[in-house]
């Protein structure tokens, strides 16, 4: 074999080995979670009220079963304009179902609000949150909202996390929690 041919084979063989090694090393980071704090501020506008028991997502059906359909005092659709630290500006359609139950230590005002929001951010990616929040006697809220992994799109496909703080502001809200974005590679901090 000609010497230059051997050199080419050796070079291509080395290149193939290097590419194979790089691929093997990256397999461990293909589905790494990028966990970070989530904060969103938004304005909310009620669009319309809905007939009782019209929200059919499992969250709302289970709430009616848990508290009794007769405790439901309102359900409706709203529109939100927001800005958050992971997607920038966004628009949301949200659905809410409000129940009035006997006050307890967990539900001191007797009001519990179940909600589901579909938010599309500036680049067209979408995430969905679902859960409930409970107004407290001091004006604060106890929240148990979570991201719905199966409903996220684009960068938010498979997203998980929880919102633990809901702060009411005039005409709007502030949400705070944690978001875990599933990415193709782990980003450095």
N, C-alpha and C. Protein backbone atom coordinates (compact mmCIF):
# COMPACT_ATOMS: atom_id res chain seq x y z
N UNK A 1 0.84 -1.17 0.00
CA UNK A 1 0.00 0.00 0.00
C UNK A 1 0.89 1.23 0.00
N UNK A 2 0.45 2.22 -0.67
CA UNK A 2 1.17 3.47 -0.78
C UNK A 2 1.18 4.18 0.58
N UNK A 3 2.31 4.85 0.91
CA UNK A 3 2.47 5.48 2.22
C UNK A 3 1.40 6.53 2.48
N UNK A 4 1.07 7.38 1.51
CA UNK A 4 0.05 8.40 1.73
C UNK A 4 -1.33 7.78 1.98
N UNK A 5 -1.59 6.62 1.37
CA UNK A 5 -2.85 5.93 1.58
C UNK A 5 -2.93 5.43 3.03
N UNK A 6 -1.81 4.89 3.57
CA UNK A 6 -1.76 4.45 4.96
C UNK A 6 -2.01 5.62 5.90
N UNK A 7 -1.41 6.76 5.61
CA UNK A 7 -1.59 7.95 6.45
C UNK A 7 -3.05 8.39 6.45
N UNK A 8 -3.69 8.34 5.28
CA UNK A 8 -5.11 8.73 5.21
C UNK A 8 -5.97 7.76 6.02
N UNK A 9 -5.71 6.48 5.91
CA UNK A 9 -6.48 5.49 6.66
C UNK A 9 -6.28 5.71 8.16
N UNK A 10 -5.05 5.95 8.57
CA UNK A 10 -4.75 6.19 9.97
C UNK A 10 -5.46 7.44 10.48
N UNK A 11 -5.40 8.51 9.68
CA UNK A 11 -6.08 9.75 10.08
C UNK A 11 -7.58 9.55 10.19
N UNK A 12 -8.20 8.90 9.18
CA UNK A 12 -9.65 8.67 9.23
C UNK A 12 -10.02 7.74 10.38
N UNK A 13 -9.18 6.74 10.64
CA UNK A 13 -9.42 5.83 11.76
C UNK A 13 -9.37 6.57 13.08
N UNK A 14 -8.41 7.46 13.24
CA UNK A 14 -8.30 8.27 14.46
C UNK A 14 -9.51 9.20 14.61
N UNK A 15 -9.93 9.80 13.51
CA UNK A 15 -11.10 10.68 13.54
C UNK A 15 -12.35 9.89 13.94
N UNK A 16 -12.52 8.70 13.35
CA UNK A 16 -13.68 7.88 13.69
C UNK A 16 -13.66 7.49 15.16
N UNK A 17 -12.49 7.15 15.70
CA UNK A 17 -12.37 6.79 17.12
C UNK A 17 -12.71 7.99 18.01
N UNK A 18 -12.24 9.17 17.63
CA UNK A 18 -12.53 10.38 18.42
C UNK A 18 -14.02 10.69 18.41
N UNK A 19 -14.66 10.58 17.25
CA UNK A 19 -16.11 10.83 17.16
C UNK A 19 -16.87 9.80 17.99
N UNK A 20 -16.46 8.53 17.90
CA UNK A 20 -17.11 7.48 18.70
C UNK A 20 -16.98 7.74 20.18
N UNK A 21 -15.80 8.16 20.63
CA UNK A 21 -15.58 8.46 22.05
C UNK A 21 -16.43 9.64 22.49
N UNK A 22 -16.51 10.68 21.67
CA UNK A 22 -17.33 11.85 22.02
C UNK A 22 -18.80 11.46 22.13
N UNK A 23 -19.29 10.63 21.22
CA UNK A 23 -20.69 10.18 21.28
C UNK A 23 -20.93 9.35 22.53
N UNK A 24 -20.02 8.45 22.84
CA UNK A 24 -20.17 7.60 24.03
C UNK A 24 -20.18 8.43 25.31
N UNK A 25 -19.34 9.46 25.36
CA UNK A 25 -19.28 10.30 26.55
C UNK A 25 -20.53 11.16 26.70
N UNK A 26 -21.18 11.52 25.61
CA UNK A 26 -22.35 12.39 25.69
C UNK A 26 -23.63 11.64 25.99
N UNK A 27 -23.65 10.32 25.89
CA UNK A 27 -24.87 9.55 26.12
C UNK A 27 -25.41 9.79 27.53
N UNK A 28 -24.54 9.92 28.51
CA UNK A 28 -24.99 10.13 29.89
C UNK A 28 -25.70 11.45 30.10
N UNK A 29 -25.53 12.42 29.22
CA UNK A 29 -26.15 13.73 29.44
C UNK A 29 -27.31 14.01 28.49
N UNK A 30 -27.79 13.02 27.79
CA UNK A 30 -28.81 13.25 26.78
C UNK A 30 -30.12 13.74 27.39
N UNK A 31 -30.50 13.31 28.59
CA UNK A 31 -31.77 13.73 29.19
C UNK A 31 -31.54 14.30 30.58
N UNK A 32 -30.63 15.23 30.71
CA UNK A 32 -30.34 15.83 32.00
C UNK A 32 -31.37 16.91 32.33
N UNK A 33 -31.73 17.00 33.60
CA UNK A 33 -32.65 18.04 34.04
C UNK A 33 -31.89 19.31 34.36
N UNK A 34 -32.44 20.42 33.92
CA UNK A 34 -31.91 21.73 34.24
C UNK A 34 -32.90 22.35 35.23
N UNK A 35 -32.61 22.24 36.51
CA UNK A 35 -33.52 22.70 37.55
C UNK A 35 -33.17 24.13 37.94
N UNK A 36 -34.19 24.98 38.02
CA UNK A 36 -33.96 26.37 38.40
C UNK A 36 -35.20 26.94 39.06
N UNK A 37 -35.02 28.08 39.68
CA UNK A 37 -36.16 28.79 40.28
C UNK A 37 -37.02 29.33 39.16
N UNK A 38 -38.33 29.34 39.41
CA UNK A 38 -39.29 29.87 38.44
C UNK A 38 -40.00 31.04 39.10
N UNK A 39 -40.11 32.13 38.39
CA UNK A 39 -40.86 33.29 38.88
C UNK A 39 -41.59 33.93 37.71
N UNK A 40 -42.88 34.18 37.93
CA UNK A 40 -43.70 34.78 36.89
C UNK A 40 -44.59 35.85 37.50
N UNK A 41 -44.72 36.95 36.80
CA UNK A 41 -45.64 38.02 37.18
C UNK A 41 -46.62 38.19 36.03
N UNK A 42 -47.89 38.37 36.37
CA UNK A 42 -48.87 38.49 35.30
C UNK A 42 -50.11 39.26 35.68
N UNK A 43 -50.83 39.64 34.68
CA UNK A 43 -52.15 40.28 34.81
C UNK A 43 -53.19 39.28 34.34
N UNK A 44 -54.34 39.32 34.97
CA UNK A 44 -55.37 38.32 34.68
C UNK A 44 -56.71 39.02 34.41
N UNK A 45 -57.39 38.54 33.39
CA UNK A 45 -58.69 39.09 33.02
C UNK A 45 -59.68 37.93 32.87
N UNK A 46 -60.80 38.03 33.54
CA UNK A 46 -61.84 37.01 33.41
C UNK A 46 -62.53 37.21 32.06
N UNK A 47 -62.64 36.14 31.30
CA UNK A 47 -63.27 36.20 29.98
C UNK A 47 -64.74 35.84 30.07
N UNK A 48 -65.05 34.72 30.72
CA UNK A 48 -66.45 34.30 30.82
C UNK A 48 -66.64 33.31 31.96
N UNK A 49 -67.84 33.27 32.47
CA UNK A 49 -68.23 32.24 33.44
C UNK A 49 -68.74 31.04 32.66
N UNK A 50 -68.62 29.88 33.28
CA UNK A 50 -69.07 28.64 32.65
C UNK A 50 -70.16 27.99 33.50
N UNK A 51 -70.93 27.13 32.87
CA UNK A 51 -71.96 26.39 33.59
C UNK A 51 -71.29 25.46 34.61
N UNK A 52 -71.95 25.22 35.75
CA UNK A 52 -71.38 24.29 36.74
C UNK A 52 -71.07 22.93 36.10
N UNK A 53 -70.01 22.33 36.55
CA UNK A 53 -69.57 21.00 36.11
C UNK A 53 -69.18 20.93 34.64
N UNK A 54 -68.90 22.07 34.00
CA UNK A 54 -68.55 22.04 32.58
C UNK A 54 -67.07 21.78 32.33
N UNK A 55 -66.22 21.98 33.34
CA UNK A 55 -64.79 21.71 33.17
C UNK A 55 -64.57 20.21 33.37
N UNK A 56 -64.10 19.54 32.32
CA UNK A 56 -64.04 18.08 32.33
C UNK A 56 -62.64 17.51 32.50
N UNK A 57 -61.61 18.35 32.63
CA UNK A 57 -60.27 17.84 32.91
C UNK A 57 -60.33 17.06 34.23
N UNK A 58 -59.55 15.99 34.38
CA UNK A 58 -59.59 15.19 35.61
C UNK A 58 -59.40 16.01 36.89
N UNK A 59 -58.57 17.05 36.86
CA UNK A 59 -58.37 17.90 38.03
C UNK A 59 -59.69 18.44 38.56
N UNK A 60 -60.53 18.94 37.65
CA UNK A 60 -61.79 19.56 38.06
C UNK A 60 -62.83 18.52 38.46
N UNK A 61 -62.86 17.41 37.75
CA UNK A 61 -63.79 16.33 38.08
C UNK A 61 -63.47 15.79 39.48
N UNK A 62 -62.18 15.55 39.76
CA UNK A 62 -61.77 15.05 41.07
C UNK A 62 -62.08 16.06 42.17
N UNK A 63 -61.95 17.35 41.89
CA UNK A 63 -62.28 18.37 42.89
C UNK A 63 -63.77 18.32 43.24
N UNK A 64 -64.61 18.17 42.23
CA UNK A 64 -66.06 18.07 42.50
C UNK A 64 -66.38 16.81 43.28
N UNK A 65 -65.69 15.71 42.96
CA UNK A 65 -65.91 14.48 43.71
C UNK A 65 -65.42 14.62 45.15
N UNK A 66 -64.29 15.26 45.36
CA UNK A 66 -63.71 15.42 46.69
C UNK A 66 -64.56 16.34 47.58
N UNK A 67 -64.98 17.46 47.03
CA UNK A 67 -65.67 18.46 47.85
C UNK A 67 -67.18 18.41 47.71
N UNK A 68 -67.67 17.75 46.67
CA UNK A 68 -69.10 17.73 46.39
C UNK A 68 -69.44 18.77 45.35
N UNK A 69 -70.19 18.37 44.34
CA UNK A 69 -70.53 19.29 43.25
C UNK A 69 -71.31 20.50 43.76
N UNK A 70 -72.04 20.33 44.86
CA UNK A 70 -72.84 21.44 45.39
C UNK A 70 -71.99 22.52 46.05
N UNK A 71 -70.69 22.26 46.29
CA UNK A 71 -69.81 23.28 46.87
C UNK A 71 -69.20 24.19 45.81
N UNK A 72 -69.35 23.81 44.53
CA UNK A 72 -68.79 24.63 43.46
C UNK A 72 -69.60 25.91 43.34
N UNK A 73 -68.92 27.06 43.50
CA UNK A 73 -69.64 28.34 43.44
C UNK A 73 -69.35 29.12 42.16
N UNK A 74 -68.29 28.74 41.43
CA UNK A 74 -67.99 29.44 40.19
C UNK A 74 -67.00 28.63 39.37
N UNK A 75 -67.12 28.72 38.07
CA UNK A 75 -66.08 28.23 37.17
C UNK A 75 -66.06 29.16 35.96
N UNK A 76 -64.88 29.28 35.38
CA UNK A 76 -64.78 30.18 34.25
C UNK A 76 -63.45 30.11 33.54
N UNK A 77 -63.33 30.99 32.55
CA UNK A 77 -62.16 31.07 31.70
C UNK A 77 -61.56 32.47 31.84
N UNK A 78 -60.26 32.53 31.88
CA UNK A 78 -59.58 33.81 31.95
C UNK A 78 -58.45 33.87 30.95
N UNK A 79 -57.93 35.07 30.77
CA UNK A 79 -56.79 35.32 29.89
C UNK A 79 -55.74 36.01 30.74
N UNK A 80 -54.50 35.56 30.59
CA UNK A 80 -53.40 36.15 31.36
C UNK A 80 -52.31 36.62 30.42
N UNK A 81 -51.71 37.75 30.77
CA UNK A 81 -50.52 38.26 30.11
C UNK A 81 -49.43 38.23 31.15
N UNK A 82 -48.29 37.59 30.85
CA UNK A 82 -47.30 37.36 31.88
C UNK A 82 -45.88 37.54 31.36
N UNK A 83 -44.96 37.50 32.30
CA UNK A 83 -43.54 37.45 31.98
C UNK A 83 -42.87 36.60 33.05
N UNK A 84 -42.06 35.63 32.59
CA UNK A 84 -41.35 34.79 33.55
C UNK A 84 -39.88 34.67 33.18
N UNK A 85 -39.10 34.10 34.09
CA UNK A 85 -37.66 34.04 33.91
C UNK A 85 -37.17 32.88 33.04
N UNK A 86 -38.06 32.02 32.54
CA UNK A 86 -37.61 30.92 31.69
C UNK A 86 -38.08 31.02 30.25
N UNK A 87 -39.12 31.80 29.99
CA UNK A 87 -39.63 31.90 28.62
C UNK A 87 -39.91 33.32 28.17
N UNK A 88 -39.75 34.28 29.08
CA UNK A 88 -40.03 35.67 28.71
C UNK A 88 -41.51 35.97 28.77
N UNK A 89 -41.98 36.80 27.85
CA UNK A 89 -43.38 37.20 27.83
C UNK A 89 -44.23 36.04 27.34
N UNK A 90 -45.46 35.98 27.88
CA UNK A 90 -46.35 34.90 27.49
C UNK A 90 -47.81 35.29 27.55
N UNK A 91 -48.63 34.45 26.94
CA UNK A 91 -50.08 34.57 26.98
C UNK A 91 -50.64 33.25 27.48
N UNK A 92 -51.66 33.32 28.31
CA UNK A 92 -52.25 32.10 28.85
C UNK A 92 -53.76 32.12 28.74
N UNK A 93 -54.30 30.93 28.57
CA UNK A 93 -55.72 30.70 28.79
C UNK A 93 -55.77 29.88 30.07
N UNK A 94 -56.57 30.32 31.03
CA UNK A 94 -56.66 29.58 32.27
C UNK A 94 -58.11 29.26 32.57
N UNK A 95 -58.28 28.12 33.22
CA UNK A 95 -59.60 27.66 33.64
C UNK A 95 -59.58 27.56 35.16
N UNK A 96 -60.62 28.06 35.81
CA UNK A 96 -60.69 27.99 37.27
C UNK A 96 -62.04 27.46 37.70
N UNK A 97 -62.01 26.76 38.83
CA UNK A 97 -63.21 26.23 39.46
C UNK A 97 -63.08 26.53 40.94
N UNK A 98 -64.04 27.27 41.50
CA UNK A 98 -63.96 27.70 42.89
C UNK A 98 -64.98 26.93 43.72
N UNK A 99 -64.50 26.43 44.87
CA UNK A 99 -65.37 25.71 45.81
C UNK A 99 -65.41 26.45 47.13
N UNK A 100 -66.58 26.46 47.75
CA UNK A 100 -66.75 27.00 49.09
C UNK A 100 -67.05 25.81 50.00
N UNK A 101 -66.12 25.54 50.91
CA UNK A 101 -66.25 24.40 51.82
C UNK A 101 -66.20 24.90 53.26
N UNK A 102 -66.43 24.02 54.19
CA UNK A 102 -66.35 24.40 55.60
C UNK A 102 -64.91 24.79 55.93
N UNK A 103 -64.71 25.91 56.61
CA UNK A 103 -63.35 26.30 56.98
C UNK A 103 -62.68 25.25 57.88
N UNK A 104 -61.39 25.02 57.62
CA UNK A 104 -60.58 24.11 58.43
C UNK A 104 -59.23 24.78 58.65
N UNK A 105 -58.34 24.10 59.35
CA UNK A 105 -57.00 24.68 59.54
C UNK A 105 -56.25 24.77 58.21
N UNK A 106 -56.52 23.85 57.26
CA UNK A 106 -55.86 23.91 55.95
C UNK A 106 -56.56 24.89 55.01
N UNK A 107 -57.87 25.09 55.20
CA UNK A 107 -58.65 25.97 54.33
C UNK A 107 -59.38 26.99 55.22
N UNK A 108 -58.64 27.93 55.80
CA UNK A 108 -59.25 28.81 56.81
C UNK A 108 -60.37 29.71 56.30
N UNK A 109 -60.33 30.11 55.03
CA UNK A 109 -61.38 30.98 54.51
C UNK A 109 -62.54 30.17 53.94
N UNK A 110 -62.39 28.87 53.83
CA UNK A 110 -63.43 28.03 53.24
C UNK A 110 -63.42 28.04 51.72
N UNK A 111 -62.48 28.76 51.10
CA UNK A 111 -62.41 28.86 49.64
C UNK A 111 -61.20 28.07 49.15
N UNK A 112 -61.41 27.25 48.14
CA UNK A 112 -60.32 26.56 47.47
C UNK A 112 -60.53 26.71 45.96
N UNK A 113 -59.49 27.13 45.26
CA UNK A 113 -59.56 27.42 43.83
C UNK A 113 -58.69 26.41 43.08
N UNK A 114 -59.31 25.68 42.16
CA UNK A 114 -58.59 24.75 41.30
C UNK A 114 -58.36 25.46 39.97
N UNK A 115 -57.18 25.29 39.43
CA UNK A 115 -56.88 25.97 38.18
C UNK A 115 -55.99 25.17 37.26
N UNK A 116 -56.12 25.48 35.99
CA UNK A 116 -55.27 24.89 34.96
C UNK A 116 -54.98 26.00 33.96
N UNK A 117 -53.70 26.21 33.67
CA UNK A 117 -53.35 27.28 32.74
C UNK A 117 -52.44 26.75 31.65
N UNK A 118 -52.72 27.18 30.43
CA UNK A 118 -51.98 26.82 29.23
C UNK A 118 -51.26 28.07 28.77
N UNK A 119 -49.95 28.11 28.98
CA UNK A 119 -49.20 29.32 28.66
C UNK A 119 -48.27 29.11 27.47
N UNK A 120 -48.36 30.03 26.52
CA UNK A 120 -47.48 30.04 25.35
C UNK A 120 -46.55 31.24 25.50
N UNK A 121 -45.24 30.98 25.45
CA UNK A 121 -44.25 32.05 25.63
C UNK A 121 -43.84 32.61 24.27
N UNK A 122 -42.97 33.60 24.31
CA UNK A 122 -42.61 34.39 23.12
C UNK A 122 -42.18 33.56 21.91
N UNK A 123 -41.45 32.46 22.12
CA UNK A 123 -40.97 31.69 20.97
C UNK A 123 -41.96 30.63 20.50
N UNK A 124 -43.15 30.56 21.11
CA UNK A 124 -44.17 29.60 20.69
C UNK A 124 -44.21 28.32 21.51
N UNK A 125 -43.23 28.10 22.40
CA UNK A 125 -43.25 26.92 23.25
C UNK A 125 -44.34 27.08 24.31
N UNK A 126 -44.87 25.94 24.78
CA UNK A 126 -45.97 25.98 25.74
C UNK A 126 -45.67 25.11 26.96
N UNK A 127 -46.10 25.59 28.14
CA UNK A 127 -46.15 24.75 29.32
C UNK A 127 -47.53 24.85 29.93
N UNK A 128 -47.86 23.84 30.74
CA UNK A 128 -49.18 23.79 31.38
C UNK A 128 -48.96 23.58 32.87
N UNK A 129 -49.72 24.34 33.67
CA UNK A 129 -49.72 24.18 35.13
C UNK A 129 -51.11 23.75 35.56
N UNK A 130 -51.17 22.96 36.63
CA UNK A 130 -52.45 22.54 37.19
C UNK A 130 -52.30 22.42 38.70
N UNK A 131 -53.41 22.54 39.41
CA UNK A 131 -53.39 22.37 40.86
C UNK A 131 -54.40 23.26 41.54
N UNK A 132 -54.09 23.62 42.77
CA UNK A 132 -55.03 24.45 43.52
C UNK A 132 -54.28 25.46 44.38
N UNK A 133 -55.01 26.50 44.77
CA UNK A 133 -54.48 27.46 45.74
C UNK A 133 -55.60 27.85 46.68
N UNK A 134 -55.19 28.16 47.92
CA UNK A 134 -56.15 28.42 49.00
C UNK A 134 -55.88 29.80 49.58
N UNK A 135 -56.83 30.72 49.47
CA UNK A 135 -56.67 32.03 50.09
C UNK A 135 -56.63 31.89 51.62
N UNK A 136 -55.70 32.61 52.24
CA UNK A 136 -55.56 32.59 53.69
C UNK A 136 -56.20 33.85 54.28
N UNK A 137 -56.46 33.85 55.57
CA UNK A 137 -57.12 35.00 56.21
C UNK A 137 -56.26 36.26 56.18
N UNK A 138 -54.93 36.13 56.03
CA UNK A 138 -54.06 37.30 55.98
C UNK A 138 -53.87 37.86 54.57
N UNK A 139 -54.58 37.28 53.59
CA UNK A 139 -54.48 37.76 52.22
C UNK A 139 -53.47 36.99 51.38
N UNK A 140 -52.68 36.12 52.00
CA UNK A 140 -51.73 35.30 51.25
C UNK A 140 -52.43 34.05 50.70
N UNK A 141 -51.68 33.23 49.99
CA UNK A 141 -52.22 32.00 49.41
C UNK A 141 -51.29 30.83 49.72
N UNK A 142 -51.87 29.67 49.96
CA UNK A 142 -51.11 28.43 50.00
C UNK A 142 -51.34 27.78 48.64
N UNK A 143 -50.27 27.40 47.96
CA UNK A 143 -50.41 26.88 46.60
C UNK A 143 -49.85 25.46 46.49
N UNK A 144 -50.46 24.70 45.64
CA UNK A 144 -49.96 23.38 45.26
C UNK A 144 -50.25 23.24 43.76
N UNK A 145 -49.40 23.90 42.96
CA UNK A 145 -49.52 23.86 41.50
C UNK A 145 -48.30 23.12 40.96
N UNK A 146 -48.48 22.39 39.89
CA UNK A 146 -47.37 21.66 39.29
C UNK A 146 -47.43 21.78 37.78
N UNK A 147 -46.27 21.59 37.16
CA UNK A 147 -46.19 21.58 35.70
C UNK A 147 -46.64 20.21 35.21
N UNK A 148 -47.36 20.18 34.10
CA UNK A 148 -47.87 18.93 33.52
C UNK A 148 -46.92 18.52 32.38
N UNK A 149 -46.04 17.53 32.63
CA UNK A 149 -45.00 17.19 31.64
C UNK A 149 -45.52 16.79 30.27
N UNK A 150 -46.63 16.08 30.23
CA UNK A 150 -47.13 15.56 28.94
C UNK A 150 -47.72 16.64 28.05
N UNK A 151 -47.94 17.84 28.60
CA UNK A 151 -48.59 18.88 27.80
C UNK A 151 -47.64 19.99 27.35
N UNK A 152 -46.37 19.91 27.79
CA UNK A 152 -45.41 20.92 27.36
C UNK A 152 -44.97 20.67 25.93
N UNK A 153 -44.58 21.74 25.24
CA UNK A 153 -44.07 21.62 23.88
C UNK A 153 -42.74 22.36 23.76
N UNK A 154 -41.99 22.03 22.71
CA UNK A 154 -40.71 22.70 22.47
C UNK A 154 -39.78 22.52 23.64
N UNK A 155 -39.21 23.60 24.11
CA UNK A 155 -38.27 23.56 25.24
C UNK A 155 -38.92 23.01 26.50
N UNK A 156 -40.25 23.11 26.60
CA UNK A 156 -40.95 22.68 27.81
C UNK A 156 -41.55 21.28 27.71
N UNK A 157 -41.21 20.54 26.68
CA UNK A 157 -41.67 19.15 26.58
C UNK A 157 -41.08 18.37 27.75
N UNK A 158 -41.91 17.72 28.52
CA UNK A 158 -41.46 16.93 29.66
C UNK A 158 -41.15 17.73 30.91
N UNK A 159 -41.42 19.03 30.91
CA UNK A 159 -41.09 19.89 32.04
C UNK A 159 -41.82 19.42 33.31
N UNK A 160 -41.13 19.49 34.44
CA UNK A 160 -41.73 19.19 35.74
C UNK A 160 -41.41 20.32 36.68
N UNK A 161 -41.95 20.27 37.87
CA UNK A 161 -41.67 21.27 38.88
C UNK A 161 -42.93 21.63 39.62
N UNK A 162 -42.79 22.53 40.58
CA UNK A 162 -43.91 22.88 41.45
C UNK A 162 -43.90 24.37 41.76
N UNK A 163 -45.09 24.94 41.82
CA UNK A 163 -45.27 26.31 42.25
C UNK A 163 -45.81 26.24 43.68
N UNK A 164 -45.07 26.83 44.61
CA UNK A 164 -45.48 26.78 46.01
C UNK A 164 -45.95 28.12 46.54
N UNK A 165 -45.73 29.19 45.78
CA UNK A 165 -46.13 30.52 46.24
C UNK A 165 -46.96 31.21 45.17
N UNK A 166 -48.13 31.68 45.58
CA UNK A 166 -48.97 32.52 44.73
C UNK A 166 -49.22 33.80 45.52
N UNK A 167 -48.86 34.91 44.94
CA UNK A 167 -49.06 36.20 45.59
C UNK A 167 -50.04 36.99 44.75
N UNK A 168 -51.14 37.42 45.35
CA UNK A 168 -52.10 38.24 44.64
C UNK A 168 -51.64 39.69 44.62
N UNK A 169 -51.68 40.30 43.47
CA UNK A 169 -51.40 41.73 43.33
C UNK A 169 -52.61 42.34 42.63
N UNK A 170 -52.83 43.64 42.71
CA UNK A 170 -54.00 44.23 42.05
C UNK A 170 -54.09 43.84 40.58
N UNK A 171 -55.15 43.10 40.23
CA UNK A 171 -55.39 42.70 38.84
C UNK A 171 -54.51 41.57 38.35
N UNK A 172 -53.73 40.96 39.24
CA UNK A 172 -52.83 39.93 38.76
C UNK A 172 -52.26 39.04 39.83
N UNK A 173 -51.06 38.55 39.57
CA UNK A 173 -50.46 37.54 40.43
C UNK A 173 -48.94 37.50 40.27
N UNK A 174 -48.30 36.85 41.23
CA UNK A 174 -46.89 36.47 41.15
C UNK A 174 -46.84 35.00 41.53
N UNK A 175 -46.19 34.18 40.71
CA UNK A 175 -45.99 32.77 40.99
C UNK A 175 -44.51 32.52 41.22
N UNK A 176 -44.20 31.70 42.24
CA UNK A 176 -42.81 31.34 42.50
C UNK A 176 -42.72 29.86 42.80
N UNK A 177 -41.66 29.23 42.31
CA UNK A 177 -41.46 27.81 42.55
C UNK A 177 -40.20 27.33 41.87
N UNK A 178 -40.23 26.07 41.44
CA UNK A 178 -39.09 25.44 40.78
C UNK A 178 -39.55 24.81 39.49
N UNK A 179 -38.72 24.90 38.47
CA UNK A 179 -39.02 24.27 37.19
C UNK A 179 -37.83 23.40 36.80
N UNK A 180 -38.12 22.21 36.29
CA UNK A 180 -37.09 21.28 35.82
C UNK A 180 -37.31 21.08 34.33
N UNK A 181 -36.43 21.65 33.54
CA UNK A 181 -36.53 21.57 32.09
C UNK A 181 -35.66 20.42 31.62
N UNK A 182 -36.25 19.49 30.90
CA UNK A 182 -35.50 18.38 30.33
C UNK A 182 -34.85 18.88 29.05
N UNK A 183 -33.54 18.80 29.00
CA UNK A 183 -32.83 19.31 27.83
C UNK A 183 -31.96 18.21 27.24
N UNK A 184 -31.45 18.45 26.04
CA UNK A 184 -30.64 17.44 25.38
C UNK A 184 -29.24 17.39 25.96
N UNK A 185 -28.79 18.47 26.54
CA UNK A 185 -27.49 18.46 27.21
C UNK A 185 -27.59 19.27 28.48
N UNK A 186 -26.81 18.93 29.45
CA UNK A 186 -26.79 19.65 30.72
C UNK A 186 -26.09 20.97 30.51
N UNK A 187 -26.75 22.06 30.90
CA UNK A 187 -26.15 23.38 30.76
C UNK A 187 -25.28 23.66 31.98
N UNK A 188 -24.19 24.34 31.80
CA UNK A 188 -23.33 24.68 32.94
C UNK A 188 -23.91 25.89 33.65
N UNK A 189 -23.69 25.94 34.95
CA UNK A 189 -24.22 27.05 35.76
C UNK A 189 -23.31 28.24 35.74
